[in-house]
Amino acid sequence: MATRKPSESAARSNKIRFVLVEADISDGNLSELTHAITSALKPTINVPRQPPARQATQALPEVPEAAPEEEIETEEAQDATESQETVAGNGSEPKVPRTRKFKPPEYLPELLAGERGAAFKEFAKEEAPTTKNKKYLVATYWLKEKGDSPTVNANKIYTCFKTAPWPTNFNDWNQTFHNLVHSEHLRKTGDGEFAINPLGEDAVTQGTD
């Protein structure tokens, strides 16, 4: 029998791993045995756990620097400014009211010429009207009864005022006509022409209003 050399025995290295499997299985169930042997022989792999990812910190919005107090304009101040502009006419200059111009009446020398003018002047002195309305009625009544003029206008009344004489220091010679039409002392007969009513005649002859 040959004896192994010491050098050959030292050169070889045999590694033996003995696996002991312990399983509690039911009778006749080989699949459970197979699963137990497979689990025992399967190397255990330790999966390293990754630390939870940090959520990115959201950058805070930059806070703008506060403007100086004198530069801050509130909504109330803006509304007040807009209101002032509206009152001022939306920024435009206020319109100057127009001055109403009246057409000056004309003097009619032939209306009260000669004795007719003297007769009217005497009648005006007797009646002595003190109001403008009464003077209009006196002149209208006389022209109808003595002057062959059933209607009057601004020119005829102006001629009577100059003849009487009564003050002529006003410009609107038509407004009194409208006032007497409203009070039913006169009636309008045409464009700028008026005639006396019974109420107006009584105001002259009876001294009523």
N, C-alpha and C. Protein backbone atom coordinates (compact mmCIF):
# COMPACT_ATOMS: atom_id res chain seq x y z
N MET A 1 0.86 -1.17 0.00
CA MET A 1 0.00 0.00 0.00
C MET A 1 0.90 1.22 0.00
N ALA A 2 0.61 2.12 -0.98
CA ALA A 2 1.45 3.30 -1.12
C ALA A 2 1.08 4.35 -0.11
N THR A 3 2.10 4.95 0.39
CA THR A 3 1.89 6.00 1.40
C THR A 3 1.93 7.35 0.73
N ARG A 4 0.87 8.23 1.02
CA ARG A 4 0.82 9.58 0.43
C ARG A 4 1.94 10.43 1.00
N LYS A 5 2.44 11.19 0.07
CA LYS A 5 3.47 12.12 0.51
C LYS A 5 2.85 13.24 1.31
N PRO A 6 3.61 13.67 2.31
CA PRO A 6 3.07 14.76 3.15
C PRO A 6 2.78 16.01 2.34
N SER A 7 3.55 16.25 1.31
CA SER A 7 3.36 17.49 0.54
C SER A 7 2.04 17.50 -0.18
N GLU A 8 1.61 16.33 -0.69
CA GLU A 8 0.34 16.28 -1.40
C GLU A 8 -0.82 16.49 -0.47
N SER A 9 -0.79 15.99 0.76
CA SER A 9 -1.89 16.15 1.71
C SER A 9 -2.03 17.62 2.12
N ALA A 10 -0.90 18.30 2.24
CA ALA A 10 -1.00 19.70 2.69
C ALA A 10 -1.49 20.61 1.60
N ALA A 11 -1.28 20.22 0.33
CA ALA A 11 -1.67 21.11 -0.76
C ALA A 11 -3.18 21.14 -0.97
N ARG A 12 -3.91 20.10 -0.67
CA ARG A 12 -5.35 20.06 -0.88
C ARG A 12 -6.12 20.59 0.31
N SER A 13 -7.27 21.28 -0.01
CA SER A 13 -8.14 21.81 1.04
C SER A 13 -9.56 21.47 0.67
N ASN A 14 -10.21 20.61 1.42
CA ASN A 14 -11.59 20.20 1.17
C ASN A 14 -12.52 20.90 2.16
N LYS A 15 -13.54 21.63 1.60
CA LYS A 15 -14.49 22.37 2.42
C LYS A 15 -15.80 21.64 2.43
N ILE A 16 -16.27 21.30 3.62
CA ILE A 16 -17.52 20.55 3.76
C ILE A 16 -18.52 21.42 4.50
N ARG A 17 -19.75 21.53 3.94
CA ARG A 17 -20.82 22.29 4.59
C ARG A 17 -21.99 21.38 4.82
N PHE A 18 -22.35 21.20 6.04
CA PHE A 18 -23.45 20.32 6.40
C PHE A 18 -24.67 21.17 6.70
N VAL A 19 -25.76 20.94 6.01
CA VAL A 19 -27.01 21.70 6.13
C VAL A 19 -28.01 20.83 6.83
N LEU A 20 -28.52 21.36 7.88
CA LEU A 20 -29.53 20.64 8.63
C LEU A 20 -30.86 21.31 8.38
N VAL A 21 -31.79 20.53 7.87
CA VAL A 21 -33.13 21.05 7.55
C VAL A 21 -34.11 20.47 8.53
N GLU A 22 -34.86 21.34 9.16
CA GLU A 22 -35.89 20.92 10.08
C GLU A 22 -37.21 21.48 9.61
N ALA A 23 -38.18 20.60 9.38
CA ALA A 23 -39.47 21.06 8.85
C ALA A 23 -40.56 20.24 9.45
N ASP A 24 -41.67 20.92 9.72
CA ASP A 24 -42.85 20.25 10.25
C ASP A 24 -43.87 20.20 9.14
N ILE A 25 -43.97 19.02 8.53
CA ILE A 25 -44.86 18.90 7.38
C ILE A 25 -45.87 17.81 7.66
N SER A 26 -46.93 17.89 6.92
CA SER A 26 -47.97 16.87 7.07
C SER A 26 -47.59 15.63 6.29
N ASP A 27 -48.22 14.55 6.61
CA ASP A 27 -47.91 13.29 5.96
C ASP A 27 -48.24 13.34 4.49
N GLY A 28 -47.28 12.88 3.67
CA GLY A 28 -47.52 12.74 2.24
C GLY A 28 -47.44 14.03 1.47
N ASN A 29 -47.04 15.11 2.05
CA ASN A 29 -46.98 16.40 1.35
C ASN A 29 -45.52 16.72 1.07
N LEU A 30 -45.05 16.30 -0.10
CA LEU A 30 -43.66 16.51 -0.49
C LEU A 30 -43.39 17.96 -0.90
N SER A 31 -44.45 18.64 -1.35
CA SER A 31 -44.22 20.02 -1.81
C SER A 31 -43.78 20.91 -0.66
N GLU A 32 -44.31 20.61 0.54
CA GLU A 32 -43.90 21.40 1.69
C GLU A 32 -42.44 21.12 2.03
N LEU A 33 -42.01 19.86 1.86
CA LEU A 33 -40.63 19.50 2.12
C LEU A 33 -39.70 20.18 1.13
N THR A 34 -40.11 20.15 -0.09
CA THR A 34 -39.29 20.80 -1.13
C THR A 34 -39.15 22.28 -0.86
N HIS A 35 -40.23 22.93 -0.49
CA HIS A 35 -40.20 24.38 -0.21
C HIS A 35 -39.32 24.67 0.98
N ALA A 36 -39.33 23.80 2.02
CA ALA A 36 -38.51 24.01 3.20
C ALA A 36 -37.05 23.87 2.87
N ILE A 37 -36.68 22.84 2.03
CA ILE A 37 -35.28 22.65 1.64
C ILE A 37 -34.80 23.82 0.81
N THR A 38 -35.67 24.31 -0.12
CA THR A 38 -35.27 25.45 -0.98
C THR A 38 -35.04 26.68 -0.16
N SER A 39 -35.91 26.96 0.83
CA SER A 39 -35.75 28.14 1.67
C SER A 39 -34.49 28.07 2.49
N ALA A 40 -34.12 26.86 2.93
CA ALA A 40 -32.93 26.71 3.75
C ALA A 40 -31.67 26.91 2.95
N LEU A 41 -31.66 26.43 1.68
CA LEU A 41 -30.47 26.55 0.84
C LEU A 41 -30.34 27.91 0.17
N LYS A 42 -31.42 28.69 0.11
CA LYS A 42 -31.40 30.00 -0.57
C LYS A 42 -30.63 30.98 0.28
N PRO A 43 -29.60 31.55 -0.28
CA PRO A 43 -28.82 32.50 0.54
C PRO A 43 -29.67 33.72 0.89
N THR A 44 -29.40 34.23 2.06
CA THR A 44 -30.13 35.42 2.53
C THR A 44 -29.46 36.67 1.99
N ILE A 45 -30.19 37.44 1.26
CA ILE A 45 -29.66 38.68 0.66
C ILE A 45 -30.21 39.84 1.45
N ASN A 46 -29.31 40.52 2.04
CA ASN A 46 -29.72 41.71 2.78
C ASN A 46 -29.73 42.91 1.84
N VAL A 47 -30.91 43.40 1.57
CA VAL A 47 -31.05 44.57 0.69
C VAL A 47 -30.85 45.81 1.53
N PRO A 48 -29.87 46.59 1.21
CA PRO A 48 -29.65 47.81 2.03
C PRO A 48 -30.83 48.77 1.89
N ARG A 49 -31.25 49.27 2.98
CA ARG A 49 -32.37 50.21 3.00
C ARG A 49 -31.86 51.60 2.67
N GLN A 50 -32.51 52.18 1.70
CA GLN A 50 -32.13 53.55 1.32
C GLN A 50 -32.83 54.55 2.24
N PRO A 51 -32.09 55.49 2.70
CA PRO A 51 -32.73 56.51 3.56
C PRO A 51 -33.77 57.28 2.75
N PRO A 52 -34.86 57.69 3.40
CA PRO A 52 -35.90 58.45 2.68
C PRO A 52 -35.33 59.74 2.09
N ALA A 53 -35.75 59.96 0.86
CA ALA A 53 -35.25 61.16 0.17
C ALA A 53 -35.79 62.41 0.84
N ARG A 54 -34.91 63.32 1.01
CA ARG A 54 -35.32 64.59 1.61
C ARG A 54 -36.08 65.43 0.61
N GLN A 55 -37.16 65.95 1.08
CA GLN A 55 -37.94 66.83 0.21
C GLN A 55 -37.20 68.16 0.06
N ALA A 56 -37.22 68.56 -1.18
CA ALA A 56 -36.53 69.82 -1.46
C ALA A 56 -37.25 70.97 -0.75
N THR A 57 -36.48 71.71 -0.05
CA THR A 57 -37.07 72.85 0.66
C THR A 57 -37.43 73.93 -0.34
N GLN A 58 -38.70 74.28 -0.35
CA GLN A 58 -39.15 75.32 -1.26
C GLN A 58 -38.60 76.66 -0.83
N ALA A 59 -38.11 77.33 -1.84
CA ALA A 59 -37.56 78.65 -1.55
C ALA A 59 -38.67 79.62 -1.21
N LEU A 60 -38.50 80.35 -0.15
CA LEU A 60 -39.50 81.32 0.24
C LEU A 60 -39.48 82.49 -0.72
N PRO A 61 -40.68 83.00 -1.07
CA PRO A 61 -40.71 84.15 -1.98
C PRO A 61 -40.07 85.36 -1.33
N GLU A 62 -39.37 86.08 -2.17
CA GLU A 62 -38.73 87.27 -1.65
C GLU A 62 -39.75 88.33 -1.31
N VAL A 63 -39.61 88.92 -0.18
CA VAL A 63 -40.53 89.96 0.28
C VAL A 63 -40.00 91.29 -0.22
N PRO A 64 -40.79 91.98 -1.06
CA PRO A 64 -40.30 93.27 -1.56
C PRO A 64 -40.18 94.27 -0.43
N GLU A 65 -39.22 95.11 -0.60
CA GLU A 65 -39.01 96.13 0.41
C GLU A 65 -40.16 97.12 0.40
N ALA A 66 -40.55 97.56 1.56
CA ALA A 66 -41.66 98.52 1.66
C ALA A 66 -41.24 99.84 1.07
N ALA A 67 -42.16 100.39 0.25
CA ALA A 67 -41.87 101.69 -0.36
C ALA A 67 -41.97 102.76 0.70
N PRO A 68 -41.29 103.86 0.48
CA PRO A 68 -41.41 104.97 1.45
C PRO A 68 -42.85 105.42 1.58
N GLU A 69 -43.22 105.91 2.76
CA GLU A 69 -44.60 106.26 3.04
C GLU A 69 -45.12 107.32 2.08
N GLU A 70 -44.26 108.25 1.69
CA GLU A 70 -44.75 109.31 0.83
C GLU A 70 -45.07 108.83 -0.58
N GLU A 71 -44.52 107.62 -0.97
CA GLU A 71 -44.77 107.11 -2.30
C GLU A 71 -45.97 106.17 -2.36
N ILE A 72 -46.52 105.78 -1.22
CA ILE A 72 -47.64 104.86 -1.18
C ILE A 72 -48.93 105.63 -1.37
N GLU A 73 -49.71 105.20 -2.37
CA GLU A 73 -50.99 105.87 -2.64
C GLU A 73 -52.10 104.86 -2.46
N THR A 74 -52.96 105.10 -1.50
CA THR A 74 -54.03 104.17 -1.20
C THR A 74 -55.14 104.28 -2.21
N GLU A 75 -56.02 103.25 -2.22
CA GLU A 75 -57.16 103.28 -3.12
C GLU A 75 -58.10 104.42 -2.79
N GLU A 76 -58.22 104.73 -1.47
CA GLU A 76 -59.10 105.83 -1.09
C GLU A 76 -58.61 107.14 -1.68
N ALA A 77 -57.28 107.34 -1.68
CA ALA A 77 -56.75 108.57 -2.25
C ALA A 77 -56.99 108.63 -3.74
N GLN A 78 -56.85 107.48 -4.43
CA GLN A 78 -57.12 107.45 -5.86
C GLN A 78 -58.57 107.76 -6.15
N ASP A 79 -59.50 107.17 -5.36
CA ASP A 79 -60.92 107.45 -5.57
C ASP A 79 -61.23 108.91 -5.35
N ALA A 80 -60.61 109.51 -4.33
CA ALA A 80 -60.87 110.92 -4.06
C ALA A 80 -60.37 111.79 -5.21
N THR A 81 -59.20 111.42 -5.77
CA THR A 81 -58.67 112.20 -6.89
C THR A 81 -59.58 112.09 -8.10
N GLU A 82 -60.07 110.84 -8.39
CA GLU A 82 -60.95 110.66 -9.53
C GLU A 82 -62.26 111.41 -9.33
N SER A 83 -62.77 111.44 -8.09
CA SER A 83 -64.01 112.16 -7.83
C SER A 83 -63.83 113.65 -8.08
N GLN A 84 -62.67 114.19 -7.66
CA GLN A 84 -62.43 115.60 -7.89
C GLN A 84 -62.35 115.90 -9.37
N GLU A 85 -61.73 114.98 -10.15
CA GLU A 85 -61.65 115.21 -11.58
C GLU A 85 -63.01 115.14 -12.22
N THR A 86 -63.88 114.25 -11.71
CA THR A 86 -65.22 114.16 -12.26
C THR A 86 -66.02 115.41 -11.99
N VAL A 87 -65.91 115.94 -10.75
CA VAL A 87 -66.63 117.15 -10.40
C VAL A 87 -66.15 118.32 -11.24
N ALA A 88 -64.84 118.32 -11.55
CA ALA A 88 -64.27 119.41 -12.33
C ALA A 88 -64.58 119.29 -13.80
N GLY A 89 -65.35 118.24 -14.18
CA GLY A 89 -65.71 118.10 -15.58
C GLY A 89 -64.78 117.19 -16.33
N ASN A 90 -64.37 116.07 -15.66
CA ASN A 90 -63.48 115.10 -16.29
C ASN A 90 -62.18 115.75 -16.75
N GLY A 91 -61.66 116.65 -15.93
CA GLY A 91 -60.37 117.25 -16.25
C GLY A 91 -60.46 118.46 -17.15
N SER A 92 -61.62 118.73 -17.71
CA SER A 92 -61.76 119.88 -18.59
C SER A 92 -62.18 121.10 -17.79
N GLU A 93 -61.93 122.26 -18.35
CA GLU A 93 -62.28 123.49 -17.67
C GLU A 93 -63.79 123.66 -17.63
N PRO A 94 -64.34 124.17 -16.52
CA PRO A 94 -65.79 124.36 -16.43
C PRO A 94 -66.27 125.35 -17.48
N LYS A 95 -67.43 125.02 -18.04
CA LYS A 95 -67.98 125.87 -19.08
C LYS A 95 -68.61 127.11 -18.46
N VAL A 96 -68.36 128.21 -19.10
CA VAL A 96 -68.94 129.47 -18.64
C VAL A 96 -70.34 129.58 -19.22
N PRO A 97 -71.36 129.81 -18.36
CA PRO A 97 -72.72 129.90 -18.88
C PRO A 97 -72.84 131.04 -19.89
N ARG A 98 -73.55 130.73 -20.95
CA ARG A 98 -73.72 131.73 -21.99
C ARG A 98 -74.69 132.82 -21.54
N THR A 99 -74.36 134.04 -21.91
CA THR A 99 -75.23 135.17 -21.61
C THR A 99 -76.28 135.27 -22.70
N ARG A 100 -77.53 135.22 -22.28
CA ARG A 100 -78.62 135.26 -23.25
C ARG A 100 -78.72 136.66 -23.85
N LYS A 101 -78.76 136.71 -25.15
CA LYS A 101 -78.87 137.99 -25.85
C LYS A 101 -80.29 138.16 -26.36
N PHE A 102 -80.82 139.33 -26.14
CA PHE A 102 -82.18 139.64 -26.57
C PHE A 102 -82.13 140.65 -27.73
N LYS A 103 -83.02 140.44 -28.65
CA LYS A 103 -83.12 141.36 -29.77
C LYS A 103 -83.79 142.65 -29.30
N PRO A 104 -83.11 143.77 -29.45
CA PRO A 104 -83.71 145.04 -28.99
C PRO A 104 -84.92 145.40 -29.84
N PRO A 105 -85.97 145.91 -29.21
CA PRO A 105 -87.16 146.30 -29.97
C PRO A 105 -86.90 147.58 -30.78
N GLU A 106 -87.75 147.80 -31.75
CA GLU A 106 -87.63 148.98 -32.61
C GLU A 106 -88.70 150.01 -32.25
N TYR A 107 -88.30 151.26 -32.34
CA TYR A 107 -89.26 152.35 -32.11
C TYR A 107 -90.03 152.64 -33.40
N LEU A 108 -91.37 152.73 -33.30
CA LEU A 108 -92.23 152.95 -34.46
C LEU A 108 -92.81 154.37 -34.38
N PRO A 109 -92.18 155.33 -35.00
CA PRO A 109 -92.65 156.73 -34.86
C PRO A 109 -94.04 156.96 -35.43
N GLU A 110 -94.45 156.21 -36.44
CA GLU A 110 -95.77 156.41 -37.05
C GLU A 110 -96.89 155.86 -36.20
N LEU A 111 -96.58 155.01 -35.21
CA LEU A 111 -97.63 154.40 -34.40
C LEU A 111 -98.34 155.44 -33.54
N LEU A 112 -97.60 156.34 -32.95
CA LEU A 112 -98.18 157.36 -32.07
C LEU A 112 -97.76 158.77 -32.53
N ALA A 113 -97.88 158.98 -33.78
CA ALA A 113 -97.49 160.30 -34.32
C ALA A 113 -98.61 161.31 -34.10
N GLY A 114 -98.22 162.59 -33.94
CA GLY A 114 -99.19 163.68 -33.85
C GLY A 114 -100.09 163.61 -32.63
N GLU A 115 -101.40 163.90 -32.88
CA GLU A 115 -102.39 163.94 -31.79
C GLU A 115 -102.56 162.58 -31.11
N ARG A 116 -102.33 161.53 -31.87
CA ARG A 116 -102.47 160.18 -31.28
C ARG A 116 -101.45 159.99 -30.16
N GLY A 117 -100.25 160.42 -30.37
CA GLY A 117 -99.22 160.29 -29.34
C GLY A 117 -99.55 161.09 -28.10
N ALA A 118 -100.09 162.31 -28.32
CA ALA A 118 -100.46 163.15 -27.17
C ALA A 118 -101.61 162.53 -26.40
N ALA A 119 -102.57 161.93 -27.10
CA ALA A 119 -103.71 161.31 -26.43
C ALA A 119 -103.25 160.11 -25.60
N PHE A 120 -102.36 159.31 -26.13
CA PHE A 120 -101.87 158.16 -25.35
C PHE A 120 -101.09 158.64 -24.13
N LYS A 121 -100.30 159.66 -24.28
CA LYS A 121 -99.51 160.16 -23.16
C LYS A 121 -100.43 160.65 -22.03
N GLU A 122 -101.55 161.30 -22.40
CA GLU A 122 -102.51 161.77 -21.41
C GLU A 122 -103.20 160.60 -20.71
N PHE A 123 -103.55 159.55 -21.49
CA PHE A 123 -104.19 158.36 -20.91
C PHE A 123 -103.25 157.65 -19.95
N ALA A 124 -101.98 157.52 -20.32
CA ALA A 124 -101.00 156.86 -19.46
C ALA A 124 -100.81 157.62 -18.16
N LYS A 125 -100.91 158.97 -18.23
CA LYS A 125 -100.75 159.78 -17.03
C LYS A 125 -101.94 159.58 -16.10
N GLU A 126 -103.13 159.46 -16.66
CA GLU A 126 -104.32 159.26 -15.84
C GLU A 126 -104.31 157.90 -15.15
N GLU A 127 -103.93 156.86 -15.89
CA GLU A 127 -103.92 155.51 -15.32
C GLU A 127 -102.79 155.35 -14.30
N ALA A 128 -101.64 155.95 -14.60
CA ALA A 128 -100.46 155.90 -13.71
C ALA A 128 -100.14 154.47 -13.23
N PRO A 129 -99.93 153.55 -14.16
CA PRO A 129 -99.58 152.17 -13.73
C PRO A 129 -98.21 152.15 -13.05
N THR A 130 -98.08 151.32 -12.04
CA THR A 130 -96.83 151.25 -11.27
C THR A 130 -96.04 149.96 -11.52
N THR A 131 -96.66 148.96 -12.13
CA THR A 131 -95.96 147.70 -12.41
C THR A 131 -95.80 147.52 -13.91
N LYS A 132 -94.87 146.70 -14.28
CA LYS A 132 -94.62 146.44 -15.70
C LYS A 132 -95.82 145.75 -16.33
N ASN A 133 -96.42 144.80 -15.61
CA ASN A 133 -97.60 144.11 -16.15
C ASN A 133 -98.73 145.11 -16.44
N LYS A 134 -98.95 146.04 -15.53
CA LYS A 134 -100.05 147.01 -15.69
C LYS A 134 -99.76 147.97 -16.85
N LYS A 135 -98.53 148.33 -17.03
CA LYS A 135 -98.15 149.20 -18.14
C LYS A 135 -98.39 148.50 -19.48
N TYR A 136 -98.08 147.21 -19.55
CA TYR A 136 -98.34 146.45 -20.78
C TYR A 136 -99.85 146.44 -21.08
N LEU A 137 -100.65 146.24 -20.03
CA LEU A 137 -102.10 146.16 -20.23
C LEU A 137 -102.67 147.53 -20.63
N VAL A 138 -102.18 148.60 -20.04
CA VAL A 138 -102.66 149.94 -20.39
C VAL A 138 -102.35 150.26 -21.84
N ALA A 139 -101.12 149.96 -22.28
CA ALA A 139 -100.73 150.23 -23.66
C ALA A 139 -101.53 149.36 -24.63
N THR A 140 -101.71 148.08 -24.30
CA THR A 140 -102.45 147.18 -25.19
C THR A 140 -103.92 147.60 -25.30
N TYR A 141 -104.50 147.97 -24.18
CA TYR A 141 -105.91 148.39 -24.18
C TYR A 141 -106.09 149.66 -25.02
N TRP A 142 -105.22 150.65 -24.86
CA TRP A 142 -105.38 151.91 -25.60
C TRP A 142 -105.19 151.70 -27.09
N LEU A 143 -104.21 150.91 -27.48
CA LEU A 143 -103.97 150.65 -28.90
C LEU A 143 -105.16 149.95 -29.54
N LYS A 144 -105.82 149.08 -28.79
CA LYS A 144 -106.99 148.40 -29.33
C LYS A 144 -108.17 149.37 -29.47
N GLU A 145 -108.40 150.20 -28.44
CA GLU A 145 -109.57 151.06 -28.42
C GLU A 145 -109.37 152.37 -29.20
N LYS A 146 -108.16 152.93 -29.20
CA LYS A 146 -107.94 154.24 -29.80
C LYS A 146 -106.89 154.25 -30.93
N GLY A 147 -106.08 153.22 -30.98
CA GLY A 147 -104.99 153.25 -31.95
C GLY A 147 -105.16 152.35 -33.14
N ASP A 148 -106.36 151.80 -33.30
CA ASP A 148 -106.63 150.92 -34.44
C ASP A 148 -105.60 149.78 -34.55
N SER A 149 -105.24 149.21 -33.41
CA SER A 149 -104.27 148.11 -33.39
C SER A 149 -104.77 147.04 -32.43
N PRO A 150 -105.55 146.05 -32.94
CA PRO A 150 -106.12 145.03 -32.05
C PRO A 150 -105.07 144.11 -31.41
N THR A 151 -103.89 144.04 -31.99
CA THR A 151 -102.82 143.20 -31.42
C THR A 151 -101.59 144.06 -31.18
N VAL A 152 -100.73 143.58 -30.29
CA VAL A 152 -99.49 144.29 -29.98
C VAL A 152 -98.32 143.33 -30.07
N ASN A 153 -97.13 143.92 -30.16
CA ASN A 153 -95.89 143.15 -30.12
C ASN A 153 -94.84 143.96 -29.37
N ALA A 154 -93.61 143.45 -29.33
CA ALA A 154 -92.57 144.12 -28.55
C ALA A 154 -92.28 145.51 -29.08
N ASN A 155 -92.31 145.70 -30.40
CA ASN A 155 -92.01 147.02 -30.98
C ASN A 155 -93.08 148.05 -30.60
N LYS A 156 -94.35 147.66 -30.62
CA LYS A 156 -95.44 148.58 -30.27
C LYS A 156 -95.40 148.95 -28.80
N ILE A 157 -95.14 147.96 -27.94
CA ILE A 157 -95.07 148.24 -26.51
C ILE A 157 -93.89 149.16 -26.21
N TYR A 158 -92.77 148.91 -26.89
CA TYR A 158 -91.58 149.75 -26.68
C TYR A 158 -91.87 151.20 -27.09
N THR A 159 -92.60 151.39 -28.16
CA THR A 159 -92.97 152.73 -28.61
C THR A 159 -93.87 153.41 -27.59
N CYS A 160 -94.80 152.67 -27.00
CA CYS A 160 -95.67 153.23 -25.96
C CYS A 160 -94.87 153.62 -24.72
N PHE A 161 -93.90 152.80 -24.33
CA PHE A 161 -93.07 153.11 -23.17
C PHE A 161 -92.27 154.40 -23.41
N LYS A 162 -91.76 154.57 -24.61
CA LYS A 162 -90.98 155.78 -24.91
C LYS A 162 -91.87 157.02 -24.95
N THR A 163 -93.12 156.84 -25.35
CA THR A 163 -94.04 157.99 -25.47
C THR A 163 -94.61 158.39 -24.12
N ALA A 164 -94.85 157.44 -23.22
CA ALA A 164 -95.56 157.71 -21.97
C ALA A 164 -94.98 158.84 -21.11
N PRO A 165 -93.76 159.01 -20.75
CA PRO A 165 -92.68 158.03 -20.91
C PRO A 165 -92.56 157.15 -19.66
N TRP A 166 -92.23 155.88 -19.88
CA TRP A 166 -91.98 154.94 -18.78
C TRP A 166 -90.54 154.43 -18.89
N PRO A 167 -89.95 153.97 -17.80
CA PRO A 167 -88.56 153.46 -17.86
C PRO A 167 -88.45 152.26 -18.80
N THR A 168 -87.36 152.24 -19.55
CA THR A 168 -87.10 151.14 -20.49
C THR A 168 -85.79 150.41 -20.15
N ASN A 169 -85.48 150.35 -18.87
CA ASN A 169 -84.20 149.78 -18.43
C ASN A 169 -84.27 148.26 -18.24
N PHE A 170 -84.74 147.55 -19.26
CA PHE A 170 -84.71 146.08 -19.26
C PHE A 170 -84.56 145.61 -20.71
N ASN A 171 -84.14 144.37 -20.88
CA ASN A 171 -83.82 143.86 -22.22
C ASN A 171 -84.86 142.90 -22.78
N ASP A 172 -85.46 142.07 -21.91
CA ASP A 172 -86.41 141.06 -22.38
C ASP A 172 -87.80 141.67 -22.44
N TRP A 173 -88.22 142.04 -23.65
CA TRP A 173 -89.53 142.68 -23.83
C TRP A 173 -90.63 141.66 -24.12
N ASN A 174 -90.29 140.40 -24.18
CA ASN A 174 -91.29 139.36 -24.47
C ASN A 174 -91.74 138.59 -23.23
N GLN A 175 -90.92 138.60 -22.17
CA GLN A 175 -91.25 137.81 -20.99
C GLN A 175 -92.56 138.26 -20.35
N THR A 176 -92.81 139.55 -20.31
CA THR A 176 -94.05 140.06 -19.69
C THR A 176 -95.27 139.60 -20.47
N PHE A 177 -95.14 139.50 -21.79
CA PHE A 177 -96.24 138.95 -22.60
C PHE A 177 -96.60 137.55 -22.12
N HIS A 178 -95.59 136.71 -21.93
CA HIS A 178 -95.82 135.32 -21.51
C HIS A 178 -96.42 135.27 -20.11
N ASN A 179 -95.99 136.19 -19.24
CA ASN A 179 -96.56 136.22 -17.89
C ASN A 179 -98.05 136.56 -17.93
N LEU A 180 -98.42 137.52 -18.78
CA LEU A 180 -99.83 137.93 -18.87
C LEU A 180 -100.68 136.89 -19.59
N VAL A 181 -100.08 136.13 -20.50
CA VAL A 181 -100.81 135.02 -21.13
C VAL A 181 -101.08 133.94 -20.08
N HIS A 182 -100.09 133.68 -19.24
CA HIS A 182 -100.27 132.66 -18.19
C HIS A 182 -101.36 133.07 -17.20
N SER A 183 -101.46 134.37 -16.91
CA SER A 183 -102.50 134.86 -15.98
C SER A 183 -103.82 135.15 -16.68
N GLU A 184 -103.88 134.87 -17.99
CA GLU A 184 -105.09 135.02 -18.82
C GLU A 184 -105.53 136.47 -18.97
N HIS A 185 -104.61 137.41 -18.87
CA HIS A 185 -104.91 138.81 -19.17
C HIS A 185 -104.70 139.11 -20.66
N LEU A 186 -103.82 138.30 -21.30
CA LEU A 186 -103.58 138.40 -22.74
C LEU A 186 -103.70 137.02 -23.35
N ARG A 187 -103.82 136.99 -24.65
CA ARG A 187 -103.79 135.74 -25.40
C ARG A 187 -102.87 135.91 -26.59
N LYS A 188 -102.20 134.85 -26.96
CA LYS A 188 -101.28 134.89 -28.09
C LYS A 188 -102.06 134.65 -29.37
N THR A 189 -101.85 135.51 -30.36
CA THR A 189 -102.59 135.40 -31.63
C THR A 189 -101.68 135.02 -32.79
N GLY A 190 -100.41 135.07 -32.62
CA GLY A 190 -99.48 134.73 -33.70
C GLY A 190 -98.06 134.79 -33.18
N ASP A 191 -97.12 134.78 -34.11
CA ASP A 191 -95.71 134.80 -33.75
C ASP A 191 -95.34 136.19 -33.22
N GLY A 192 -95.23 136.30 -31.90
CA GLY A 192 -94.88 137.57 -31.29
C GLY A 192 -96.02 138.56 -31.20
N GLU A 193 -97.23 138.12 -31.51
CA GLU A 193 -98.40 139.01 -31.48
C GLU A 193 -99.35 138.57 -30.37
N PHE A 194 -99.89 139.57 -29.64
CA PHE A 194 -100.76 139.28 -28.50
C PHE A 194 -101.95 140.24 -28.52
N ALA A 195 -103.07 139.75 -27.92
CA ALA A 195 -104.29 140.57 -27.82
C ALA A 195 -104.79 140.52 -26.39
N ILE A 196 -105.50 141.58 -25.98
CA ILE A 196 -105.97 141.67 -24.60
C ILE A 196 -107.24 140.85 -24.41
N ASN A 197 -107.38 140.23 -23.26
CA ASN A 197 -108.55 139.44 -22.88
C ASN A 197 -109.49 140.30 -22.03
N PRO A 198 -110.76 139.87 -21.86
CA PRO A 198 -111.68 140.60 -20.96
C PRO A 198 -111.11 140.81 -19.57
N LEU A 199 -110.39 139.82 -19.05
CA LEU A 199 -109.78 139.98 -17.73
C LEU A 199 -108.76 141.12 -17.73
N GLY A 200 -108.02 141.26 -18.84
CA GLY A 200 -107.06 142.34 -18.95
C GLY A 200 -107.75 143.69 -19.09
N GLU A 201 -108.86 143.72 -19.83
CA GLU A 201 -109.61 144.97 -19.97
C GLU A 201 -110.14 145.44 -18.62
N ASP A 202 -110.67 144.51 -17.82
CA ASP A 202 -111.16 144.88 -16.48
C ASP A 202 -110.04 145.39 -15.59
N ALA A 203 -108.85 144.85 -15.77
CA ALA A 203 -107.72 145.30 -14.97
C ALA A 203 -107.41 146.77 -15.26
N VAL A 204 -107.71 147.23 -16.50
CA VAL A 204 -107.46 148.63 -16.87
C VAL A 204 -108.64 149.52 -16.50
N THR A 205 -109.85 149.14 -16.86
CA THR A 205 -111.02 150.01 -16.67
C THR A 205 -111.54 149.96 -15.25
N GLN A 206 -111.48 148.80 -14.61
CA GLN A 206 -112.01 148.65 -13.26
C GLN A 206 -110.93 148.71 -12.19
N GLY A 207 -109.70 148.70 -12.60
CA GLY A 207 -108.62 148.74 -11.63
C GLY A 207 -108.43 147.42 -10.91
N THR A 208 -108.89 146.31 -11.53
CA THR A 208 -108.73 145.00 -10.90
C THR A 208 -107.41 144.38 -11.32
N ASP A 209 -107.04 143.33 -10.60
CA ASP A 209 -105.79 142.64 -10.93
C ASP A 209 -106.04 141.52 -11.92
